[in-house]
C-alpha atoms as a PDB file:
ATOM      1  CA  MET A   1      -0.041  -0.123  -0.034  1.00  0.00           C
ATOM      2  CA  LYS A   2       2.062   3.235  -1.332  1.00  0.00           C
ATOM      3  CA  GLY A   3       1.217   6.447   0.851  1.00  0.00           C
ATOM      4  CA  ARG A   4       0.855   8.010   4.108  1.00  0.00           C
ATOM      5  CA  THR A   5      -1.904   6.603   6.210  1.00  0.00           C
ATOM      6  CA  ILE A   6      -2.700   7.675  10.190  1.00  0.00           C
ATOM      7  CA  ILE A   7      -4.518   4.934  12.187  1.00  0.00           C
ATOM      8  CA  LEU A   8      -6.141   6.123  14.917  1.00  0.00           C
ATOM      9  CA  ASP A   9      -7.287   2.932  17.068  1.00  0.00           C
ATOM     10  CA  HIS A  10      -6.972   1.581  20.353  1.00  0.00           C
ATOM     11  CA  LEU A  11      -5.472  -1.515  22.013  1.00  0.00           C
ATOM     12  CA  GLY A  12      -6.923  -3.196  24.607  1.00  0.00           C
ATOM     13  CA  ASP A  13      -8.377   0.059  26.814  1.00  0.00           C
ATOM     14  CA  ARG A  14      -5.418   1.925  25.717  1.00  0.00           C
ATOM     15  CA  GLU A  15      -5.619   5.002  22.720  1.00  0.00           C
ATOM     16  CA  ALA A  16      -2.874   4.531  20.137  1.00  0.00           C
ATOM     17  CA  ALA A  17      -1.647   5.731  17.138  1.00  0.00           C
ATOM     18  CA  ALA A  18      -0.142   4.136  14.084  1.00  0.00           C
ATOM     19  CA  LEU A  19       1.777   5.863  11.021  1.00  0.00           C
ATOM     20  CA  MET A  20       2.183   3.888   8.269  1.00  0.00           C
ATOM     21  CA  VAL A  21       4.340   4.412   5.004  1.00  0.00           C
ATOM     22  CA  ASP A  22       4.225   2.242   1.911  1.00  0.00           C
ATOM     23  CA  GLY A  23       2.865  -0.130   4.353  1.00  0.00           C
ATOM     24  CA  LYS A  24       5.371  -0.001   6.839  1.00  0.00           C
ATOM     25  CA  LEU A  25       4.764   0.913  10.265  1.00  0.00           C
ATOM     26  CA  ASP A  26       7.188   4.080  10.226  1.00  0.00           C
ATOM     27  CA  ASP A  27       5.824   5.220  14.104  1.00  0.00           C
ATOM     28  CA  PHE A  28       3.706   4.200  16.880  1.00  0.00           C
ATOM     29  CA  LEU A  29       1.994   5.918  19.973  1.00  0.00           C
ATOM     30  CA  ILE A  30       0.263   4.515  22.942  1.00  0.00           C
ATOM     31  CA  GLU A  31      -1.066   5.631  25.875  1.00  0.00           C
ATOM     32  CA  SER A  32       0.583   4.827  29.161  1.00  0.00           C
ATOM     33  CA  ASP A  33       0.267   5.163  33.010  1.00  0.00           C
ATOM     34  CA  LEU A  34       3.373   7.154  33.531  1.00  0.00           C
ATOM     35  CA  PRO A  35       3.325  11.299  33.033  1.00  0.00           C
ATOM     36  CA  SER A  36       3.368  12.217  29.647  1.00  0.00           C
ATOM     37  CA  PRO A  37       5.461  15.114  28.259  1.00  0.00           C
ATOM     38  CA  GLY A  38       4.004  18.222  27.790  1.00  0.00           C
ATOM     39  CA  THR A  39       1.865  17.754  31.474  1.00  0.00           C
ATOM     40  CA  ILE A  40       2.521  21.025  33.419  1.00  0.00           C
ATOM     41  CA  TYR A  41       2.704  21.164  37.528  1.00  0.00           C
ATOM     42  CA  ARG A  42       2.583  23.333  39.703  1.00  0.00           C
ATOM     43  CA  ALA A  43       5.867  21.965  42.400  1.00  0.00           C
ATOM     44  CA  ARG A  44       7.142  22.064  46.018  1.00  0.00           C
ATOM     45  CA  ALA A  45      11.320  22.337  45.624  1.00  0.00           C
ATOM     46  CA  ASP A  46      11.946  19.734  48.171  1.00  0.00           C
ATOM     47  CA  ARG A  47      16.147  18.759  48.907  1.00  0.00           C
ATOM     48  CA  PRO A  48      18.738  20.276  46.338  1.00  0.00           C
ATOM     49  CA  VAL A  49      20.925  17.744  44.761  1.00  0.00           C
ATOM     50  CA  LYS A  50      24.796  18.873  45.359  1.00  0.00           C
ATOM     51  CA  GLY A  51      27.361  18.034  43.026  1.00  0.00           C
ATOM     52  CA  GLN A  52      24.684  17.577  40.499  1.00  0.00           C
ATOM     53  CA  GLY A  53      23.042  21.152  40.170  1.00  0.00           C
ATOM     54  CA  GLY A  54      19.211  19.949  40.804  1.00  0.00           C
ATOM     55  CA  MET A  55      16.635  20.013  43.285  1.00  0.00           C
ATOM     56  CA  PHE A  56      14.399  17.242  44.080  1.00  0.00           C
ATOM     57  CA  LEU A  57      10.076  18.313  43.498  1.00  0.00           C
ATOM     58  CA  SER A  58       7.124  17.321  44.480  1.00  0.00           C
ATOM     59  CA  THR A  59       4.363  16.647  42.270  1.00  0.00           C
ATOM     60  CA  PRO A  60       1.352  15.362  42.349  1.00  0.00           C
ATOM     61  CA  ASP A  61       2.327  11.905  40.731  1.00  0.00           C
ATOM     62  CA  GLY A  62       5.316  11.531  42.903  1.00  0.00           C
ATOM     63  CA  PRO A  63       9.161  13.152  42.818  1.00  0.00           C
ATOM     64  CA  ALA A  64      10.220  14.869  39.709  1.00  0.00           C
ATOM     65  CA  PHE A  65      14.026  16.372  39.136  1.00  0.00           C
ATOM     66  CA  LEU A  66      14.945  19.739  37.966  1.00  0.00           C
ATOM     67  CA  ARG A  67      18.378  20.152  36.543  1.00  0.00           C
ATOM     68  CA  GLN A  68      20.333  23.536  36.556  1.00  0.00           C
ATOM     69  CA  VAL A  69      18.942  25.066  39.248  1.00  0.00           C
ATOM     70  CA  LYS A  70      20.035  28.660  40.869  1.00  0.00           C
ATOM     71  CA  GLY A  71      18.085  30.750  43.221  1.00  0.00           C
ATOM     72  CA  LEU A  72      15.357  27.894  44.400  1.00  0.00           C
ATOM     73  CA  ALA A  73      14.820  27.543  48.075  1.00  0.00           C
ATOM     74  CA  PRO A  74      13.661  24.628  49.534  1.00  0.00           C
ATOM     75  CA  GLY A  75       9.805  25.139  50.112  1.00  0.00           C
ATOM     76  CA  GLN A  76       8.669  27.531  47.063  1.00  0.00           C
ATOM     77  CA  MET A  77       6.433  26.905  44.791  1.00  0.00           C
ATOM     78  CA  LEU A  78       7.310  26.645  40.736  1.00  0.00           C
ATOM     79  CA  LEU A  79       6.053  25.656  37.415  1.00  0.00           C
ATOM     80  CA  VAL A  80       7.585  23.078  35.684  1.00  0.00           C
ATOM     81  CA  GLN A  81       7.192  20.784  32.464  1.00  0.00           C
ATOM     82  CA  VAL A  82       7.805  16.989  31.893  1.00  0.00           C
ATOM     83  CA  THR A  83      10.372  16.931  29.300  1.00  0.00           C
ATOM     84  CA  GLY A  84      10.026  13.220  28.998  1.00  0.00           C
ATOM     85  CA  TYR A  85       9.898   9.710  30.602  1.00  0.00           C
ATOM     86  CA  ALA A  86      10.911   8.417  33.626  1.00  0.00           C
ATOM     87  CA  GLU A  87      13.400   5.421  34.127  1.00  0.00           C
ATOM     88  CA  ASP A  88      12.817   2.880  36.403  1.00  0.00           C
ATOM     89  CA  GLY A  89      12.551   4.208  39.788  1.00  0.00           C
ATOM     90  CA  LYS A  90      13.491   7.399  39.004  1.00  0.00           C
ATOM     91  CA  ALA A  91      12.177  10.901  39.130  1.00  0.00           C
ATOM     92  CA  ILE A  92      10.036  12.671  36.620  1.00  0.00           C
ATOM     93  CA  PRO A  93      12.496  15.040  34.216  1.00  0.00           C
ATOM     94  CA  VAL A  94      11.245  18.268  34.321  1.00  0.00           C
ATOM     95  CA  THR A  95      12.128  21.718  32.913  1.00  0.00           C
ATOM     96  CA  GLN A  96      11.137  25.470  33.944  1.00  0.00           C
ATOM     97  CA  LYS A  97      11.047  26.643  30.577  1.00  0.00           C
ATOM     98  CA  ILE A  98       7.648  26.179  29.537  1.00  0.00           C
ATOM     99  CA  LEU A  99       6.278  25.686  26.188  1.00  0.00           C
ATOM    100  CA  PHE A 100       2.678  25.424  24.973  1.00  0.00           C
ATOM    101  CA  LYS A 101       2.281  23.025  21.463  1.00  0.00           C
ATOM    102  CA  SER A 102      -0.322  22.794  19.220  1.00  0.00           C
ATOM    103  CA  ARG A 103      -0.168  21.752  15.576  1.00  0.00           C
ATOM    104  CA  TYR A 104       0.538  25.244  14.068  1.00  0.00           C
ATOM    105  CA  ALA A 105       1.940  27.079  17.163  1.00  0.00           C
ATOM    106  CA  ILE A 106       4.182  26.972  19.903  1.00  0.00           C
ATOM    107  CA  VAL A 107       3.629  29.571  22.465  1.00  0.00           C
ATOM    108  CA  THR A 108       6.558  30.263  24.485  1.00  0.00           C
ATOM    109  CA  PRO A 109       6.385  32.342  27.812  1.00  0.00           C
ATOM    110  CA  GLU A 110       9.105  34.775  28.677  1.00  0.00           C
ATOM    111  CA  ALA A 111      10.956  33.960  25.892  1.00  0.00           C
ATOM    112  CA  PRO A 112       9.279  37.333  23.523  1.00  0.00           C
ATOM    113  CA  GLY A 113       9.685  37.299  19.298  1.00  0.00           C
ATOM    114  CA  LEU A 114       7.603  36.257  16.575  1.00  0.00           C
ATOM    115  CA  ASN A 115       9.261  33.329  14.632  1.00  0.00           C
ATOM    116  CA  ILE A 116       8.664  31.214  11.740  1.00  0.00           C
ATOM    117  CA  SER A 117       9.841  27.249  10.860  1.00  0.00           C
ATOM    118  CA  ARG A 118      13.178  27.885   8.760  1.00  0.00           C
ATOM    119  CA  SER A 119      11.529  24.995   6.708  1.00  0.00           C
ATOM    120  CA  ILE A 120       9.207  27.859   4.969  1.00  0.00           C
ATOM    121  CA  ARG A 121      10.543  29.705   2.848  1.00  0.00           C
ATOM    122  CA  ASP A 122       9.016  31.264   0.883  1.00  0.00           C
ATOM    123  CA  GLU A 123       8.990  35.065   1.111  1.00  0.00           C
ATOM    124  CA  GLY A 124       5.002  35.690   0.947  1.00  0.00           C
ATOM    125  CA  GLU A 125       4.197  32.791   2.670  1.00  0.00           C
ATOM    126  CA  ARG A 126       6.218  33.802   5.684  1.00  0.00           C
ATOM    127  CA  ASP A 127       4.847  37.557   5.297  1.00  0.00           C
ATOM    128  CA  ARG A 128       1.654  35.937   5.922  1.00  0.00           C
ATOM    129  CA  LEU A 129       2.487  34.375   8.427  1.00  0.00           C
ATOM    130  CA  LEU A 130       3.581  36.882  10.234  1.00  0.00           C
ATOM    131  CA  GLU A 131       0.490  39.186   9.703  1.00  0.00           C
ATOM    132  CA  ILE A 132      -1.888  36.439  10.890  1.00  0.00           C
ATOM    133  CA  ALA A 133       0.564  36.254  14.035  1.00  0.00           C
ATOM    134  CA  HIS A 134       0.360  39.668  14.956  1.00  0.00           C
ATOM    135  CA  GLU A 135      -2.819  39.909  14.592  1.00  0.00           C
ATOM    136  CA  VAL A 136      -3.771  37.576  17.168  1.00  0.00           C
ATOM    137  CA  MET A 137      -0.583  37.844  19.703  1.00  0.00           C
ATOM    138  CA  GLY A 138      -1.353  41.807  19.523  1.00  0.00           C
ATOM    139  CA  ASP A 139       1.184  43.130  22.602  1.00  0.00           C
ATOM    140  CA  SER A 140       1.252  39.843  24.329  1.00  0.00           C
ATOM    141  CA  ALA A 141       4.745  39.215  26.833  1.00  0.00           C
ATOM    142  CA  HIS A 142       4.950  35.805  25.287  1.00  0.00           C
ATOM    143  CA  GLY A 143       6.761  34.622  22.235  1.00  0.00           C
ATOM    144  CA  LEU A 144       5.260  32.848  19.183  1.00  0.00           C
ATOM    145  CA  ILE A 145       7.176  30.138  17.328  1.00  0.00           C
ATOM    146  CA  LEU A 146       4.749  28.944  13.794  1.00  0.00           C
ATOM    147  CA  ARG A 147       5.553  25.456  12.674  1.00  0.00           C
ATOM    148  CA  SER A 148       6.018  24.155   9.092  1.00  0.00           C
ATOM    149  CA  ALA A 149       2.332  22.884   9.128  1.00  0.00           C
ATOM    150  CA  CYS A 150       1.248  26.306   9.180  1.00  0.00           C
ATOM    151  CA  ASP A 151       2.334  26.256   5.191  1.00  0.00           C
ATOM    152  CA  GLY A 152      -0.409  26.678   3.171  1.00  0.00           C
ATOM    153  CA  ALA A 153      -2.936  26.214   6.358  1.00  0.00           C
ATOM    154  CA  GLU A 154      -5.763  28.186   6.520  1.00  0.00           C
ATOM    155  CA  ALA A 155      -5.747  31.591   8.189  1.00  0.00           C
ATOM    156  CA  ASP A 156      -8.638  30.899  10.136  1.00  0.00           C
ATOM    157  CA  ALA A 157      -6.886  27.433  11.333  1.00  0.00           C
ATOM    158  CA  ILE A 158      -3.876  29.137  12.236  1.00  0.00           C
ATOM    159  CA  ALA A 159      -4.682  31.854  14.108  1.00  0.00           C
ATOM    160  CA  GLU A 160      -7.956  29.474  15.636  1.00  0.00           C
ATOM    161  CA  ASP A 161      -4.283  27.566  17.109  1.00  0.00           C
ATOM    162  CA  ILE A 162      -2.475  30.602  18.161  1.00  0.00           C
ATOM    163  CA  ALA A 163      -5.733  32.144  20.303  1.00  0.00           C
ATOM    164  CA  ALA A 164      -5.601  28.413  22.080  1.00  0.00           C
ATOM    165  CA  MET A 165      -1.942  28.628  22.826  1.00  0.00           C
ATOM    166  CA  ALA A 166      -2.145  32.058  24.352  1.00  0.00           C
ATOM    167  CA  ASP A 167      -5.226  31.296  26.225  1.00  0.00           C
ATOM    168  CA  MET A 168      -3.535  28.425  27.451  1.00  0.00           C
ATOM    169  CA  ALA A 169      -0.024  30.305  28.502  1.00  0.00           C
ATOM    170  CA  ALA A 170      -1.973  33.128  30.171  1.00  0.00           C
ATOM    171  CA  ALA A 171      -3.966  30.764  32.416  1.00  0.00           C
ATOM    172  CA  VAL A 172      -1.309  28.851  33.145  1.00  0.00           C
ATOM    173  CA  MET A 173       1.649  31.015  33.722  1.00  0.00           C
ATOM    174  CA  SER A 174      -0.725  33.249  36.267  1.00  0.00           C
ATOM    175  CA  ASP A 175      -1.259  30.193  38.735  1.00  0.00           C
ATOM    176  CA  ASP A 176      -1.010  31.156  42.284  1.00  0.00           C
ATOM    177  CA  GLY A 177      -2.091  28.156  44.055  1.00  0.00           C
ATOM    178  CA  SER A 178       0.113  26.974  46.845  1.00  0.00           C
ATOM    179  CA  GLU A 179      -0.070  23.370  47.015  1.00  0.00           C
ATOM    180  CA  PRO A 180       1.689  21.208  44.685  1.00  0.00           C
ATOM    181  CA  GLN A 181      -1.202  20.257  41.198  1.00  0.00           C
ATOM    182  CA  ALA A 182      -1.361  19.192  37.818  1.00  0.00           C
ATOM    183  CA  LEU A 183      -2.148  22.084  35.590  1.00  0.00           C
ATOM    184  CA  THR A 184      -2.452  20.371  32.557  1.00  0.00           C
ATOM    185  CA  GLU A 185      -1.724  17.077  31.104  1.00  0.00           C
ATOM    186  CA  GLY A 186       0.331  16.026  28.431  1.00  0.00           C
ATOM    187  CA  ASP A 187      -1.227  15.053  24.934  1.00  0.00           C
ATOM    188  CA  THR A 188      -2.851  11.771  24.296  1.00  0.00           C
ATOM    189  CA  PRO A 189      -1.587   9.532  21.490  1.00  0.00           C
ATOM    190  CA  HIS A 190      -4.367  10.761  19.182  1.00  0.00           C
ATOM    191  CA  LEU A 191      -3.528  14.508  19.453  1.00  0.00           C
ATOM    192  CA  LEU A 192       0.148  13.395  19.140  1.00  0.00           C
ATOM    193  CA  ALA A 193      -0.882  12.379  15.916  1.00  0.00           C
ATOM    194  CA  TRP A 194      -2.822  15.220  14.939  1.00  0.00           C
ATOM    195  CA  ARG A 195       0.104  17.645  16.402  1.00  0.00           C
ATOM    196  CA  ASP A 196       3.136  16.049  14.799  1.00  0.00           C
ATOM    197  CA  TRP A 197       2.046  13.690  12.371  1.00  0.00           C
ATOM    198  CA  SER A 198       1.328  16.995   9.799  1.00  0.00           C
ATOM    199  CA  GLU A 199       2.059  15.844   6.324  1.00  0.00           C
ATOM    200  CA  SER A 200      -0.761  14.635   3.834  1.00  0.00           C
ATOM    201  CA  ALA A 201      -1.837  11.504   4.789  1.00  0.00           C
ATOM    202  CA  ASP A 202      -5.052   9.661   4.907  1.00  0.00           C
ATOM    203  CA  VAL A 203      -6.613   9.452   8.120  1.00  0.00           C
ATOM    204  CA  GLU A 204      -8.877   6.051   9.987  1.00  0.00           C
ATOM    205  CA  ARG A 205     -10.390   6.090  12.785  1.00  0.00           C
ATOM    206  CA  GLU A 206     -12.868   2.758  12.435  1.00  0.00           C
ATOM    207  CA  VAL A 207     -12.839   0.847  15.545  1.00  0.00           C
ATOM    208  CA  GLY A 208     -10.658  -2.330  14.480  1.00  0.00           C
ATOM    209  CA  SER A 209      -8.566  -0.001  12.177  1.00  0.00           C
ATOM    210  CA  PHE A 210      -5.393  -1.553  13.381  1.00  0.00           C
ATOM    211  CA  GLU A 211      -6.015  -5.247  11.803  1.00  0.00           C
ATOM    212  CA  HIS A 212      -7.208  -3.741   8.369  1.00  0.00           C
ATOM    213  CA  HIS A 213      -4.173  -1.510   8.040  1.00  0.00           C
ATOM    214  CA  GLY A 214      -1.508  -4.207   9.295  1.00  0.00           C
ATOM    215  CA  VAL A 215      -0.662  -2.269  12.521  1.00  0.00           C
ATOM    216  CA  LEU A 216      -0.986  -5.328  14.600  1.00  0.00           C
ATOM    217  CA  ASP A 217       0.933  -7.054  12.606  1.00  0.00           C
ATOM    218  CA  ALA A 218       3.281  -4.911  12.191  1.00  0.00           C
ATOM    219  CA  LEU A 219       3.487  -4.706  15.990  1.00  0.00           C
ATOM    220  CA  GLU A 220       4.411  -8.345  16.645  1.00  0.00           C
ATOM    221  CA  ALA A 221       7.700  -7.554  14.906  1.00  0.00           C
ATOM    222  CA  VAL A 222       8.263  -4.757  17.151  1.00  0.00           C
ATOM    223  CA  ARG A 223       7.856  -6.980  19.873  1.00  0.00           C
ATOM    224  CA  GLY A 224      11.307  -8.713  19.058  1.00  0.00           C
ATOM    225  CA  ILE A 225      14.362  -7.559  18.525  1.00  0.00           C
ATOM    226  CA  HIS A 226      15.235  -8.634  14.899  1.00  0.00           C
ATOM    227  CA  VAL A 227      15.237  -6.147  12.233  1.00  0.00           C
ATOM    228  CA  PRO A 228      15.660  -7.009   8.987  1.00  0.00           C
ATOM    229  CA  LEU A 229      17.802  -5.129   6.456  1.00  0.00           C
ATOM    230  CA  SER A 230      18.472  -4.547   3.157  1.00  0.00           C
ATOM    231  CA  GLY A 231      21.127  -7.275   1.371  1.00  0.00           C
ATOM    232  CA  GLY A 232      20.487 -10.352   3.618  1.00  0.00           C
ATOM    233  CA  ALA A 233      21.960  -8.217   6.511  1.00  0.00           C
ATOM    234  CA  PHE A 234      19.903  -7.917  10.219  1.00  0.00           C
ATOM    235  CA  LEU A 235      20.297  -6.311  13.305  1.00  0.00           C
ATOM    236  CA  TYR A 236      19.181  -6.645  16.956  1.00  0.00           C
ATOM    237  CA  ILE A 237      17.792  -4.450  19.716  1.00  0.00           C
ATOM    238  CA  GLU A 238      18.417  -5.035  22.830  1.00  0.00           C
ATOM    239  CA  PRO A 239      16.927  -3.145  25.766  1.00  0.00           C
ATOM    240  CA  THR A 240      18.802  -3.087  29.308  1.00  0.00           C
ATOM    241  CA  ARG A 241      18.983  -1.021  32.072  1.00  0.00           C
ATOM    242  CA  ALA A 242      22.029   0.329  31.775  1.00  0.00           C
ATOM    243  CA  LEU A 243      21.777   1.500  27.946  1.00  0.00           C
ATOM    244  CA  VAL A 244      20.029   0.323  24.721  1.00  0.00           C
ATOM    245  CA  ALA A 245      22.561  -2.378  22.814  1.00  0.00           C
ATOM    246  CA  VAL A 246      22.699  -2.803  18.857  1.00  0.00           C
ATOM    247  CA  ASP A 247      23.879  -5.282  17.001  1.00  0.00           C
ATOM    248  CA  VAL A 248      24.918  -5.436  13.358  1.00  0.00           C
ATOM    249  CA  ASN A 249      25.265  -8.094  11.281  1.00  0.00           C
ATOM    250  CA  THR A 250      26.224  -9.364   7.737  1.00  0.00           C
ATOM    251  CA  GLY A 251      23.749 -11.909   7.740  1.00  0.00           C
ATOM    252  CA  SER A 252      24.487 -14.190   4.114  1.00  0.00           C
ATOM    253  CA  ASP A 253      26.827 -11.169   2.976  1.00  0.00           C
ATOM    254  CA  VAL A 254      30.188 -12.645   2.978  1.00  0.00           C
ATOM    255  CA  SER A 255      31.789  -9.748   0.055  1.00  0.00           C
ATOM    256  CA  LEU A 256      34.469  -7.682   1.312  1.00  0.00           C
ATOM    257  CA  ALA A 257      32.587  -4.639   1.338  1.00  0.00           C
ATOM    258  CA  ALA A 258      29.305  -6.753   3.761  1.00  0.00           C
ATOM    259  CA  GLY A 259      30.390  -4.559   6.735  1.00  0.00           C
ATOM    260  CA  VAL A 260      30.312  -1.321   4.950  1.00  0.00           C
ATOM    261  CA  LYS A 261      27.029  -2.339   3.476  1.00  0.00           C
ATOM    262  CA  ALA A 262      25.454  -3.653   6.686  1.00  0.00           C
ATOM    263  CA  ASN A 263      26.095  -0.886   8.773  1.00  0.00           C
ATOM    264  CA  MET A 264      25.149   2.365   6.298  1.00  0.00           C
ATOM    265  CA  ALA A 265      21.778  -0.188   6.215  1.00  0.00           C
ATOM    266  CA  CYS A 266      21.385   0.049  10.090  1.00  0.00           C
ATOM    267  CA  ALA A 267      22.138   4.049   9.778  1.00  0.00           C
ATOM    268  CA  LYS A 268      19.018   4.481   7.370  1.00  0.00           C
ATOM    269  CA  ALA A 269      16.853   2.156   9.703  1.00  0.00           C
ATOM    270  CA  LEU A 270      17.897   2.609  13.349  1.00  0.00           C
ATOM    271  CA  PRO A 271      15.727   5.885  13.705  1.00  0.00           C
ATOM    272  CA  ARG A 272      12.892   4.103  13.067  1.00  0.00           C
ATOM    273  CA  ALA A 273      13.234   1.069  14.446  1.00  0.00           C
ATOM    274  CA  LEU A 274      13.798   3.075  18.100  1.00  0.00           C
ATOM    275  CA  ARG A 275      11.043   4.886  17.023  1.00  0.00           C
ATOM    276  CA  VAL A 276       8.596   2.760  16.697  1.00  0.00           C
ATOM    277  CA  ARG A 277       9.771   0.564  20.220  1.00  0.00           C
ATOM    278  CA  GLY A 278      10.002   4.492  21.854  1.00  0.00           C
ATOM    279  CA  LEU A 279      13.696   3.717  23.199  1.00  0.00           C
ATOM    280  CA  GLY A 280      15.892   6.317  24.314  1.00  0.00           C
ATOM    281  CA  GLY A 281      18.828   6.702  27.102  1.00  0.00           C
ATOM    282  CA  GLN A 282      22.125   5.377  26.032  1.00  0.00           C
ATOM    283  CA  ILE A 283      22.662   3.998  23.084  1.00  0.00           C
ATOM    284  CA  VAL A 284      25.505   1.444  22.077  1.00  0.00           C
ATOM    285  CA  LEU A 285      26.007   0.680  18.308  1.00  0.00           C
ATOM    286  CA  ASP A 286      28.207  -2.790  17.978  1.00  0.00           C
ATOM    287  CA  LEU A 287      28.718  -2.526  14.343  1.00  0.00           C
ATOM    288  CA  ALA A 288      29.889  -4.855  11.691  1.00  0.00           C
ATOM    289  CA  PRO A 289      33.552  -5.172  10.711  1.00  0.00           C
ATOM    290  CA  MET A 290      34.908  -2.031   8.486  1.00  0.00           C
ATOM    291  CA  PRO A 291      38.143   0.101   7.568  1.00  0.00           C
ATOM    292  CA  LYS A 292      38.403   2.773   9.516  1.00  0.00           C
ATOM    293  CA  LYS A 293      38.359   5.326   6.620  1.00  0.00           C
ATOM    294  CA  ASP A 294      34.686   4.394   6.230  1.00  0.00           C
ATOM    295  CA  ARG A 295      33.871   5.760   9.296  1.00  0.00           C
ATOM    296  CA  ARG A 296      33.244   9.160   8.343  1.00  0.00           C
ATOM    297  CA  ALA A 297      30.626   8.255   5.632  1.00  0.00           C
ATOM    298  CA  PHE A 298      28.564   6.111   8.372  1.00  0.00           C
ATOM    299  CA  GLU A 299      28.487   9.356  10.375  1.00  0.00           C
ATOM    300  CA  THR A 300      27.413  11.201   7.846  1.00  0.00           C
ATOM    301  CA  SER A 301      24.540   8.880   6.780  1.00  0.00           C
ATOM    302  CA  LEU A 302      23.389   8.078  10.416  1.00  0.00           C
ATOM    303  CA  ARG A 303      23.741  11.777  10.904  1.00  0.00           C
ATOM    304  CA  ALA A 304      21.131  12.766   7.674  1.00  0.00           C
ATOM    305  CA  ALA A 305      18.948  10.168   9.076  1.00  0.00           C
ATOM    306  CA  PHE A 306      18.223  11.349  12.457  1.00  0.00           C
ATOM    307  CA  ARG A 307      17.294  15.089  10.952  1.00  0.00           C
ATOM    308  CA  SER A 308      14.112  13.944  10.239  1.00  0.00           C
ATOM    309  CA  ASP A 309      13.159  12.223  13.244  1.00  0.00           C
ATOM    310  CA  GLY A 310      11.583  13.695  15.734  1.00  0.00           C
ATOM    311  CA  GLU A 311      13.208  12.843  18.900  1.00  0.00           C
ATOM    312  CA  GLU A 312      16.708  14.686  20.335  1.00  0.00           C
ATOM    313  CA  THR A 313      19.295  12.288  19.557  1.00  0.00           C
ATOM    314  CA  LEU A 314      23.227  13.251  20.246  1.00  0.00           C
ATOM    315  CA  LEU A 315      25.665  11.986  18.024  1.00  0.00           C
ATOM    316  CA  VAL A 316      28.478  10.846  20.701  1.00  0.00           C
ATOM    317  CA  GLY A 317      30.723   9.501  18.834  1.00  0.00           C
ATOM    318  CA  TRP A 318      33.223   6.045  18.826  1.00  0.00           C
ATOM    319  CA  THR A 319      34.771   4.672  21.569  1.00  0.00           C
ATOM    320  CA  PRO A 320      38.398   2.517  22.061  1.00  0.00           C
ATOM    321  CA  LEU A 321      37.047  -0.647  21.503  1.00  0.00           C
ATOM    322  CA  GLY A 322      35.289   0.680  18.191  1.00  0.00           C
ATOM    323  CA  HIS A 323      31.408   0.864  19.516  1.00  0.00           C
ATOM    324  CA  TYR A 324      29.480   3.797  18.438  1.00  0.00           C
ATOM    325  CA  GLU A 325      27.271   5.945  21.356  1.00  0.00           C
ATOM    326  CA  LEU A 326      24.565   8.314  20.433  1.00  0.00           C
ATOM    327  CA  GLN A 327      22.387   9.879  24.017  1.00  0.00           C
ATOM    328  CA  ARG A 328      18.134  10.183  22.896  1.00  0.00           C
ATOM    329  CA  LYS A 329      15.939  12.387  24.776  1.00  0.00           C
ATOM    330  CA  ARG A 330      13.566   9.716  26.213  1.00  0.00           C
ATOM    331  CA  GLY A 331      10.570  11.401  24.772  1.00  0.00           C
ATOM    332  CA  ARG A 332       8.166   8.331  24.016  1.00  0.00           C
ATOM    333  CA  VAL A 333       7.418   5.480  26.480  1.00  0.00           C
ATOM    334  CA  ALA A 334       9.230   2.026  25.744  1.00  0.00           C
ATOM    335  CA  VAL A 335       6.552  -0.104  23.828  1.00  0.00           C
ATOM    336  CA  THR A 336       7.600  -3.146  24.838  1.00  0.00           C
ATOM    337  CA  GLY A 337       5.836  -3.952  27.744  1.00  0.00           C
ATOM    338  CA  ILE A 338       3.130  -2.553  27.211  1.00  0.00           C
ATOM    339  CA  LEU A 339       2.640  -4.616  24.187  1.00  0.00           C
ATOM    340  CA  ASN A 340       3.076  -7.714  25.843  1.00  0.00           C
ATOM    341  CA  GLU A 341       0.457  -6.179  28.218  1.00  0.00           C
ATOM    342  CA  VAL A 342      -1.894  -5.703  25.830  1.00  0.00           C
ATOM    343  CA  LEU A 343      -1.210  -8.298  23.140  1.00  0.00           C
ATOM    344  CA  GLY A 344      -0.462 -10.894  25.406  1.00  0.00           C
END
C-alpha cells in the first residue's frame, strides 16, 4: 500500500496511533500510565542535589527532578513541565522552560518574539503568517513560533490554534496556587498524531483499523529484537537497564564490503527502529567490521537519518573498542512492556 496513512484506534483500553508509510509502520504512539511529556505541574522544591546542580521536587504524580537550579530554595512553589519519561525507579524529568505546543503554533512564555519555521522559505508565505501572528498575539509578552505545518494552511485554522495556545499560556502562567497540582496534562496519542504527523495523509478512525491496515502484524515484529536490513543483513535491538544495545550483523553477505553495507543500512533503519519501540537513553552500536576510513561516511549517513526524526538524538562518537554511542531523549514510552501486556 503506497502513501501515508494515520490510523487512530485502541489496543485494549489504551488509546494508540500508528503512522504507516508505504505499508510499513513508521511511527507508533500508545497511552501510558506514566505522566506524559508536556504535562505542567505546580511543584514544590524539596531538596537540592549537591554536585549535580539539581533539585528534587514534589508533584501529585511523585518526585520530579529539575536540573540547573539557580536561586531556588526548599519549600518554594514553581511551574515545571515534563520533558520525557522517567526511567524505572527514577524521578520525573522536568524543566522550567515551559512551552505550549500545538499543530501550528508554539507559545513560549517569557521568551518574546515571533518566529517562523526555517523550512518555510517562500517570502510571501512568511509575510502572510507574520500578519496572522501579529493580529492574534497583539502586544502579548509571550513569544510565538509558527511550525512548518502552517505552510499553506488556512488562516482561520492557524489563528484559532495560536489563540488557544496563547489563552492556555496566560491561564497557566498566572497561577498562584500554594500546593502541588497538575495544571495541564500532556497530549494523548491521537492528539499527538494530529499535532506532529502534519504531512498529507489519509486518516482512519474506524474501530478495528489496526487489524485492517496491518498495524497488529507490524507490532508483533516490534515486540521482537530482530530487525531485517537490506542485502540480507540484520540487527538486534536489546534494551537493558543501563542502555540500549544494537548489534549489527552482515547475515548471508560474505563480500569484502559486507560490513560497510550492513552498517550503512543500519544507519538508515535505526531511527525508525528506535522510534516505533519508544527507546531512548544511552544507545551503543556494535557495528559490523569495517575499515576506519569508512567511519566518516557512516557518521554522515547516520546524522542524515536522524535529522528527520522527531526525538532529539546526540551522536556522541566512537569508543576505544570501536563501538558508536548515541544519547537519545526519552520522549516516548517504551512500548514492548505495554504490548506484551495488551497483546498477550
